[in-house]
């Protein structure tokens, strides 16, 4: 067993982009990387075999809030943790459940001890404290576990954002204390990442970065972005955080975002991403492709028998036609949801793999600028 290791292998000379390698007890992760979101231990409409072979995912997410409520810790512990339960034997990151709890605005109460909330399933009441969330994530079995934080709304004014950030910092200290006084589960090392908060306020973000950095964790996350603030503000804050977080630790931008968001953030020095967008948008007929965006519902694709995307390395994208996928989606056939989800995820993984290759080749900046325009075109 060994703590997470991160090595930067190449840097782009025109931007802050870097290509790295994260090593965990469940395998290596080549960065920059996109992590498919498996909220309840499953990436919606996609099998683990498809994630490994078609999508070529290297790490997936599990959600603490949802897995705690169902199937529950008793089942997960009996299975030997989430890796054994869902059959995914590569790295897993578990988020703390903070974002889900705080999104239950009408059904939760925040206090110093933690957050009291009602289950969206049966209305039962539960208390998440920093200590409890560490125990839950130990039981779920993530290779990377996240600190319990408060995620304030994107437009929070300074005083609210400051109070929230200070609470997040106090909770972080409790998370670290409890995490460091408990043992790894299931025979491999678990690693805790703190989360930077501070809303859209530069002063707060810088202070939060400095506080988080002082903890010398194996990696760090940037939270509280893509929650309603304008895109240009998101980029501004992301760049500021990257400038104030340790250079030789992986940086994880939580919940972001579109393909062009990801490319811009890579250029700022972000290494890890997750977002529900590829699967959620796929299930709603939006395809991200190497040439631009497709709404597969549109009649223009009805007799287009060309493959979904011959520009990426995905057997499913290179096999099924746009016309056939449109037919499946119009027929509300489950297979359509799978094809669209697998394609979008494979595209995201292809995109970060391309970014890595261009960083290594010293051509990232020009390629990124071209791709950001190309990927936003509506086909």
Protein backbone atom coordinates (compact mmCIF):
# COMPACT_ATOMS: atom_id res chain seq x y z
CA UNK A 1 0.00 0.00 0.00
CA UNK A 2 1.28 3.46 -0.89
CA UNK A 3 -0.11 6.98 -0.80
CA UNK A 4 -1.13 8.54 -4.10
CA UNK A 5 1.84 9.71 -6.18
CA UNK A 6 1.79 12.43 -8.86
CA UNK A 7 4.52 13.06 -11.38
CA UNK A 8 4.47 15.85 -13.97
CA UNK A 9 5.96 14.42 -17.17
CA UNK A 10 5.58 17.32 -19.60
CA UNK A 11 4.65 21.02 -19.46
CA UNK A 12 3.37 23.25 -22.25
CA UNK A 13 5.65 26.25 -22.78
CA UNK A 14 2.87 28.68 -23.82
CA UNK A 15 0.25 27.84 -21.18
CA UNK A 16 0.18 26.25 -17.72
CA UNK A 17 -1.01 22.90 -19.10
CA UNK A 18 0.81 19.81 -17.92
CA UNK A 19 0.76 16.07 -18.63
CA UNK A 20 1.15 13.92 -15.55
CA UNK A 21 0.74 10.49 -14.04
CA UNK A 22 -1.19 9.68 -10.86
CA UNK A 23 -0.39 6.35 -9.22
CA UNK A 24 -2.87 4.69 -6.85
CA UNK A 25 -3.13 1.18 -5.45
CA UNK A 26 -5.80 0.45 -8.08
CA UNK A 27 -3.67 1.60 -10.98
CA UNK A 28 -2.33 4.59 -12.87
CA UNK A 29 -4.22 7.60 -14.20
CA UNK A 30 -2.73 9.61 -17.05
CA UNK A 31 -3.54 13.31 -16.77
CA UNK A 32 -5.25 15.47 -17.78
CA UNK A 33 -8.15 13.08 -17.17
CA UNK A 34 -11.94 13.13 -17.26
CA UNK A 35 -13.78 10.98 -14.71
CA UNK A 36 -17.24 9.59 -15.63
CA UNK A 37 -19.78 10.13 -12.87
CA UNK A 38 -21.16 6.92 -11.38
CA UNK A 39 -23.50 8.47 -8.84
CA UNK A 40 -25.02 5.32 -7.34
CA UNK A 41 -22.12 3.04 -8.25
CA UNK A 42 -23.16 3.02 -11.90
CA UNK A 43 -22.56 5.39 -14.80
CA UNK A 44 -26.09 5.76 -16.17
CA UNK A 45 -26.88 3.42 -19.10
CA UNK A 46 -23.24 2.26 -19.39
CA UNK A 47 -21.75 -1.04 -18.21
CA UNK A 48 -18.40 -1.28 -16.47
CA UNK A 49 -17.13 -3.33 -19.42
CA UNK A 50 -18.10 -0.52 -21.79
CA UNK A 51 -16.43 2.03 -19.52
CA UNK A 52 -13.19 0.07 -19.68
CA UNK A 53 -13.15 -0.96 -23.35
CA UNK A 54 -15.23 1.56 -25.33
CA UNK A 55 -14.91 4.70 -23.19
CA UNK A 56 -11.37 3.83 -21.98
CA UNK A 57 -12.09 5.38 -18.58
CA UNK A 58 -9.26 5.24 -16.06
CA UNK A 59 -11.15 6.37 -12.94
CA UNK A 60 -14.83 6.86 -12.11
CA UNK A 61 -16.77 8.64 -9.34
CA UNK A 62 -19.15 7.39 -6.70
CA UNK A 63 -21.41 9.67 -4.67
CA UNK A 64 -21.34 9.48 -0.89
CA UNK A 65 -24.84 10.88 -0.32
CA UNK A 66 -26.55 8.49 -2.75
CA UNK A 67 -24.54 5.36 -1.85
CA UNK A 68 -25.02 6.01 1.87
CA UNK A 69 -28.80 6.11 1.40
CA UNK A 70 -28.94 3.21 -1.07
CA UNK A 71 -27.73 0.46 -1.02
CA UNK A 72 -26.32 1.59 2.34
CA UNK A 73 -23.07 0.92 4.16
CA UNK A 74 -24.08 -2.52 5.44
CA UNK A 75 -24.36 -3.83 1.88
CA UNK A 76 -21.21 -2.07 0.66
CA UNK A 77 -19.13 -3.32 3.60
CA UNK A 78 -20.43 -6.87 3.16
CA UNK A 79 -19.41 -6.71 -0.50
CA UNK A 80 -15.92 -5.54 0.41
CA UNK A 81 -16.37 -1.97 -0.80
CA UNK A 82 -17.57 -0.34 -3.99
CA UNK A 83 -14.84 -1.84 -6.20
CA UNK A 84 -16.05 -5.34 -5.35
CA UNK A 85 -19.73 -4.37 -5.37
CA UNK A 86 -19.78 -2.88 -8.86
CA UNK A 87 -16.90 -4.78 -10.42
CA UNK A 88 -14.80 -1.72 -11.29
CA UNK A 89 -11.22 -2.56 -10.34
CA UNK A 90 -9.56 0.66 -11.43
CA UNK A 91 -9.41 3.80 -9.23
CA UNK A 92 -12.58 5.33 -7.77
CA UNK A 93 -13.06 8.83 -6.37
CA UNK A 94 -15.88 9.45 -3.92
CA UNK A 95 -17.25 12.95 -3.44
CA UNK A 96 -18.27 13.94 0.08
CA UNK A 97 -21.99 14.36 -0.57
CA UNK A 98 -21.69 18.03 0.33
CA UNK A 99 -23.00 19.31 -2.98
CA UNK A 100 -26.01 16.95 -2.90
CA UNK A 101 -26.85 17.80 0.70
CA UNK A 102 -26.63 21.54 0.09
CA UNK A 103 -28.79 21.27 -3.02
CA UNK A 104 -31.59 19.99 -0.75
CA UNK A 105 -32.14 23.59 0.35
CA UNK A 106 -35.63 23.01 1.70
CA UNK A 107 -34.75 19.80 3.52
CA UNK A 108 -31.50 20.52 5.34
CA UNK A 109 -30.11 22.60 8.18
CA UNK A 110 -26.45 23.67 8.35
CA UNK A 111 -24.82 24.09 11.73
CA UNK A 112 -21.28 23.94 13.12
CA UNK A 113 -21.60 20.25 13.95
CA UNK A 114 -22.59 19.33 10.40
CA UNK A 115 -25.67 19.17 8.20
CA UNK A 116 -29.01 17.69 9.20
CA UNK A 117 -30.98 16.62 6.13
CA UNK A 118 -33.92 14.58 4.98
CA UNK A 119 -33.52 11.72 2.53
CA UNK A 120 -35.02 12.39 -0.91
CA UNK A 121 -36.02 8.70 -0.94
CA UNK A 122 -38.13 8.27 2.20
CA UNK A 123 -37.88 11.52 4.15
CA UNK A 124 -35.79 9.95 6.93
CA UNK A 125 -33.49 12.35 8.80
CA UNK A 126 -29.69 12.05 8.82
CA UNK A 127 -26.74 14.01 10.14
CA UNK A 128 -23.57 14.39 8.08
CA UNK A 129 -20.64 15.61 10.14
CA UNK A 130 -17.06 15.83 8.81
CA UNK A 131 -16.18 12.77 10.91
CA UNK A 132 -19.19 10.78 9.74
CA UNK A 133 -18.52 11.61 6.10
CA UNK A 134 -14.93 10.34 6.48
CA UNK A 135 -16.22 7.08 7.96
CA UNK A 136 -18.79 6.71 5.18
CA UNK A 137 -16.17 7.25 2.47
CA UNK A 138 -13.82 4.80 4.18
CA UNK A 139 -16.66 2.25 4.02
CA UNK A 140 -17.50 2.97 0.38
CA UNK A 141 -13.83 2.50 -0.39
CA UNK A 142 -12.75 5.29 -2.71
CA UNK A 143 -9.07 5.55 -3.60
CA UNK A 144 -9.56 9.32 -3.42
CA UNK A 145 -12.03 10.74 -0.90
CA UNK A 146 -13.15 14.35 -0.63
CA UNK A 147 -13.32 16.61 2.39
CA UNK A 148 -16.79 17.67 3.57
CA UNK A 149 -17.40 21.25 2.49
CA UNK A 150 -20.19 23.76 2.08
CA UNK A 151 -20.80 24.72 -1.54
CA UNK A 152 -22.32 28.24 -1.59
CA UNK A 153 -24.39 29.47 -4.57
CA UNK A 154 -22.38 31.00 -7.42
CA UNK A 155 -23.53 34.57 -6.83
CA UNK A 156 -23.00 34.56 -3.03
CA UNK A 157 -22.03 37.98 -1.69
CA UNK A 158 -18.72 38.41 0.11
CA UNK A 159 -19.82 37.99 3.74
CA UNK A 160 -21.83 34.83 3.03
CA UNK A 161 -19.00 33.34 0.97
CA UNK A 162 -16.46 34.20 3.72
CA UNK A 163 -18.55 32.63 6.48
CA UNK A 164 -19.10 29.55 4.31
CA UNK A 165 -15.40 29.26 3.45
CA UNK A 166 -14.37 29.52 7.10
CA UNK A 167 -16.85 26.77 8.00
CA UNK A 168 -15.40 24.63 5.19
CA UNK A 169 -11.90 25.19 6.62
CA UNK A 170 -12.98 24.20 10.14
CA UNK A 171 -14.67 21.12 8.73
CA UNK A 172 -11.51 20.31 6.77
CA UNK A 173 -9.48 20.28 9.98
CA UNK A 174 -11.98 17.86 11.50
CA UNK A 175 -11.94 15.71 8.34
CA UNK A 176 -8.14 15.52 8.36
CA UNK A 177 -7.96 14.79 12.08
CA UNK A 178 -10.49 11.96 11.85
CA UNK A 179 -9.13 10.60 8.56
CA UNK A 180 -5.58 10.49 9.95
CA UNK A 181 -6.80 8.66 13.06
CA UNK A 182 -8.68 5.96 11.16
CA UNK A 183 -7.41 3.10 9.04
CA UNK A 184 -7.63 2.32 5.34
CA UNK A 185 -10.33 -0.19 4.47
CA UNK A 186 -10.09 -3.24 2.23
CA UNK A 187 -6.28 -3.41 2.03
CA UNK A 188 -5.36 -0.37 -0.06
CA UNK A 189 -4.52 3.29 0.58
CA UNK A 190 -7.22 5.93 0.60
CA UNK A 191 -6.25 9.57 -0.06
CA UNK A 192 -8.04 12.72 1.14
CA UNK A 193 -8.32 15.82 -1.06
CA UNK A 194 -9.32 19.18 0.51
CA UNK A 195 -11.61 21.53 -1.45
CA UNK A 196 -11.01 25.22 -2.14
CA UNK A 197 -14.07 27.45 -1.69
CA UNK A 198 -14.64 31.22 -1.53
CA UNK A 199 -17.24 31.91 -4.20
CA UNK A 200 -16.33 34.41 -6.91
CA UNK A 201 -14.24 36.58 -4.58
CA UNK A 202 -10.51 36.69 -5.39
CA UNK A 203 -9.43 37.53 -1.86
CA UNK A 204 -11.35 34.57 -0.41
CA UNK A 205 -10.20 32.13 -3.07
CA UNK A 206 -6.56 33.07 -2.51
CA UNK A 207 -6.99 32.68 1.26
CA UNK A 208 -8.67 29.30 0.80
CA UNK A 209 -5.91 28.09 -1.53
CA UNK A 210 -3.30 29.08 1.03
CA UNK A 211 -5.18 27.33 3.85
CA UNK A 212 -5.73 24.14 1.84
CA UNK A 213 -2.13 24.11 0.59
CA UNK A 214 -0.81 24.28 4.15
CA UNK A 215 -2.37 20.86 4.84
CA UNK A 216 0.04 19.18 2.40
CA UNK A 217 -2.58 16.72 1.13
CA UNK A 218 -1.81 14.34 -1.75
CA UNK A 219 -4.03 16.42 -4.06
CA UNK A 220 -6.36 19.42 -4.01
CA UNK A 221 -9.77 20.24 -5.46
CA UNK A 222 -11.38 23.45 -6.66
CA UNK A 223 -15.06 23.46 -5.71
CA UNK A 224 -17.95 25.90 -5.98
CA UNK A 225 -17.57 26.70 -9.69
CA UNK A 226 -20.02 26.12 -12.54
CA UNK A 227 -22.83 26.78 -10.04
CA UNK A 228 -24.42 29.74 -11.81
CA UNK A 229 -21.60 32.25 -12.21
CA UNK A 230 -20.72 33.60 -15.71
CA UNK A 231 -18.21 31.50 -17.67
CA UNK A 232 -15.60 34.25 -17.76
CA UNK A 233 -15.76 34.51 -13.95
CA UNK A 234 -15.37 30.74 -13.65
CA UNK A 235 -12.21 30.92 -15.80
CA UNK A 236 -10.89 33.85 -13.76
CA UNK A 237 -11.33 32.03 -10.45
CA UNK A 238 -9.99 28.74 -11.83
CA UNK A 239 -6.81 30.44 -13.06
CA UNK A 240 -6.36 32.22 -9.72
CA UNK A 241 -6.73 28.94 -7.82
CA UNK A 242 -4.22 27.15 -10.08
CA UNK A 243 -1.75 29.98 -9.48
CA UNK A 244 -2.12 29.54 -5.71
CA UNK A 245 -2.21 25.75 -5.33
CA UNK A 246 0.91 23.56 -5.10
CA UNK A 247 2.50 22.91 -8.48
CA UNK A 248 3.42 19.29 -7.80
CA UNK A 249 0.03 18.09 -6.53
CA UNK A 250 -2.88 17.10 -8.80
CA UNK A 251 -5.60 19.75 -9.17
CA UNK A 252 -9.19 18.60 -9.54
CA UNK A 253 -11.83 21.01 -10.88
CA UNK A 254 -15.13 19.66 -9.59
CA UNK A 255 -18.24 19.41 -11.78
CA UNK A 256 -16.87 21.15 -14.90
CA UNK A 257 -18.05 20.99 -17.64
CA UNK A 258 -18.33 21.42 -21.41
CA UNK A 259 -15.51 20.18 -23.66
CA UNK A 260 -14.33 23.76 -24.22
CA UNK A 261 -14.48 24.51 -20.48
CA UNK A 262 -12.21 21.52 -19.93
CA UNK A 263 -9.69 22.60 -22.56
CA UNK A 264 -9.49 26.11 -21.12
CA UNK A 265 -9.04 24.73 -17.60
CA UNK A 266 -6.31 22.34 -18.77
CA UNK A 267 -4.48 25.38 -20.16
CA UNK A 268 -4.63 26.89 -16.64
CA UNK A 269 -3.07 23.82 -15.02
CA UNK A 270 -6.04 21.63 -14.00
CA UNK A 271 -5.42 17.87 -14.11
CA UNK A 272 -8.73 16.18 -13.21
CA UNK A 273 -12.37 16.77 -14.21
CA UNK A 274 -15.80 15.25 -13.71
CA UNK A 275 -19.25 16.23 -14.95
CA UNK A 276 -22.62 14.59 -15.58
CA UNK A 277 -22.90 16.50 -18.86
CA UNK A 278 -21.76 13.78 -21.30
CA UNK A 279 -24.26 11.21 -20.06
CA UNK A 280 -27.09 13.61 -19.16
CA UNK A 281 -26.88 15.47 -22.46
CA UNK A 282 -26.48 12.20 -24.34
CA UNK A 283 -29.71 10.88 -22.86
CA UNK A 284 -31.35 14.09 -24.09
CA UNK A 285 -30.12 13.69 -27.69
CA UNK A 286 -27.11 16.06 -27.57
CA UNK A 287 -23.92 14.54 -28.91
CA UNK A 288 -20.48 16.09 -28.51
CA UNK A 289 -18.30 15.17 -31.48
CA UNK A 290 -14.83 15.93 -32.79
CA UNK A 291 -16.44 18.24 -35.39
CA UNK A 292 -19.03 19.98 -33.21
CA UNK A 293 -22.40 19.49 -31.49
CA UNK A 294 -25.18 17.34 -32.90
CA UNK A 295 -28.83 17.35 -31.82
CA UNK A 296 -29.62 13.84 -32.98
CA UNK A 297 -33.36 14.56 -32.70
CA UNK A 298 -33.16 16.88 -35.73
CA UNK A 299 -34.75 15.60 -38.93
CA UNK A 300 -31.57 16.37 -40.89
CA UNK A 301 -30.05 13.16 -39.47
CA UNK A 302 -33.00 10.93 -40.47
CA UNK A 303 -31.22 9.57 -43.58
CA UNK A 304 -27.63 10.28 -42.60
CA UNK A 305 -26.06 6.83 -42.64
CA UNK A 306 -22.56 8.02 -41.80
CA UNK A 307 -21.16 6.88 -38.45
CA UNK A 308 -21.67 9.03 -35.35
CA UNK A 309 -18.04 10.18 -35.20
CA UNK A 310 -15.16 8.71 -37.18
CA UNK A 311 -12.77 11.22 -35.61
CA UNK A 312 -12.51 9.49 -32.23
CA UNK A 313 -11.30 6.08 -31.15
CA UNK A 314 -14.53 4.40 -30.01
CA UNK A 315 -15.92 1.21 -31.60
CA UNK A 316 -19.52 2.27 -30.89
CA UNK A 317 -19.07 5.76 -32.37
CA UNK A 318 -17.40 4.24 -35.43
CA UNK A 319 -20.09 1.56 -35.92
CA UNK A 320 -23.60 3.00 -35.53
CA UNK A 321 -25.01 5.58 -37.94
CA UNK A 322 -26.55 8.90 -37.01
CA UNK A 323 -29.79 7.77 -38.69
CA UNK A 324 -29.96 4.62 -36.59
CA UNK A 325 -29.22 6.45 -33.34
CA UNK A 326 -31.88 9.05 -34.20
CA UNK A 327 -34.38 6.23 -34.81
CA UNK A 328 -33.56 4.67 -31.42
CA UNK A 329 -33.92 7.98 -29.60
CA UNK A 330 -37.22 8.78 -31.34
CA UNK A 331 -38.46 5.27 -30.46
CA UNK A 332 -37.41 5.76 -26.83
CA UNK A 333 -35.37 2.60 -27.12
CA UNK A 334 -32.94 2.06 -24.23
CA UNK A 335 -30.14 1.13 -26.59
CA UNK A 336 -30.18 4.71 -27.87
CA UNK A 337 -29.40 6.02 -24.38
CA UNK A 338 -26.47 3.63 -24.10
CA UNK A 339 -25.01 4.48 -27.52
CA UNK A 340 -25.33 8.24 -26.92
CA UNK A 341 -23.84 8.01 -23.41
CA UNK A 342 -20.96 5.76 -24.42
CA UNK A 343 -20.19 8.00 -27.39
CA UNK A 344 -20.17 11.23 -25.36
CA UNK A 345 -18.00 9.71 -22.63
CA UNK A 346 -15.62 8.25 -25.21
CA UNK A 347 -15.42 11.68 -26.83
CA UNK A 348 -14.52 13.33 -23.50
CA UNK A 349 -11.82 10.72 -22.82
CA UNK A 350 -10.55 11.10 -26.39
CA UNK A 351 -10.39 14.87 -25.90
CA UNK A 352 -8.26 14.77 -22.74
CA UNK A 353 -6.04 12.11 -24.35
CA UNK A 354 -5.52 14.44 -27.32
CA UNK A 355 -4.78 17.31 -24.95
CA UNK A 356 -2.15 15.16 -23.22
CA UNK A 357 -0.56 14.23 -26.55
CA UNK A 358 -0.39 17.88 -27.67
CA UNK A 359 1.16 18.91 -24.33
CA UNK A 360 3.79 16.23 -24.84
CA UNK A 361 4.42 17.37 -28.42
CA UNK A 362 4.60 21.07 -27.52
CA UNK A 363 1.61 21.94 -29.74
CA UNK A 364 -1.11 22.30 -27.11
CA UNK A 365 -1.78 26.07 -27.23
CA UNK A 366 -2.50 26.31 -30.97
CA UNK A 367 -4.48 23.06 -30.99
CA UNK A 368 -6.56 24.15 -27.97
CA UNK A 369 -7.46 27.50 -29.52
CA UNK A 370 -8.64 25.79 -32.70
CA UNK A 371 -10.58 23.06 -30.88
CA UNK A 372 -12.40 25.46 -28.53
CA UNK A 373 -13.98 27.07 -31.60
CA UNK A 374 -14.57 23.84 -33.51
CA UNK A 375 -16.21 21.92 -30.67
CA UNK A 376 -18.84 24.65 -30.09
CA UNK A 377 -20.12 24.57 -33.69
CA UNK A 378 -23.66 23.29 -34.07
CA UNK A 379 -23.77 20.79 -36.91
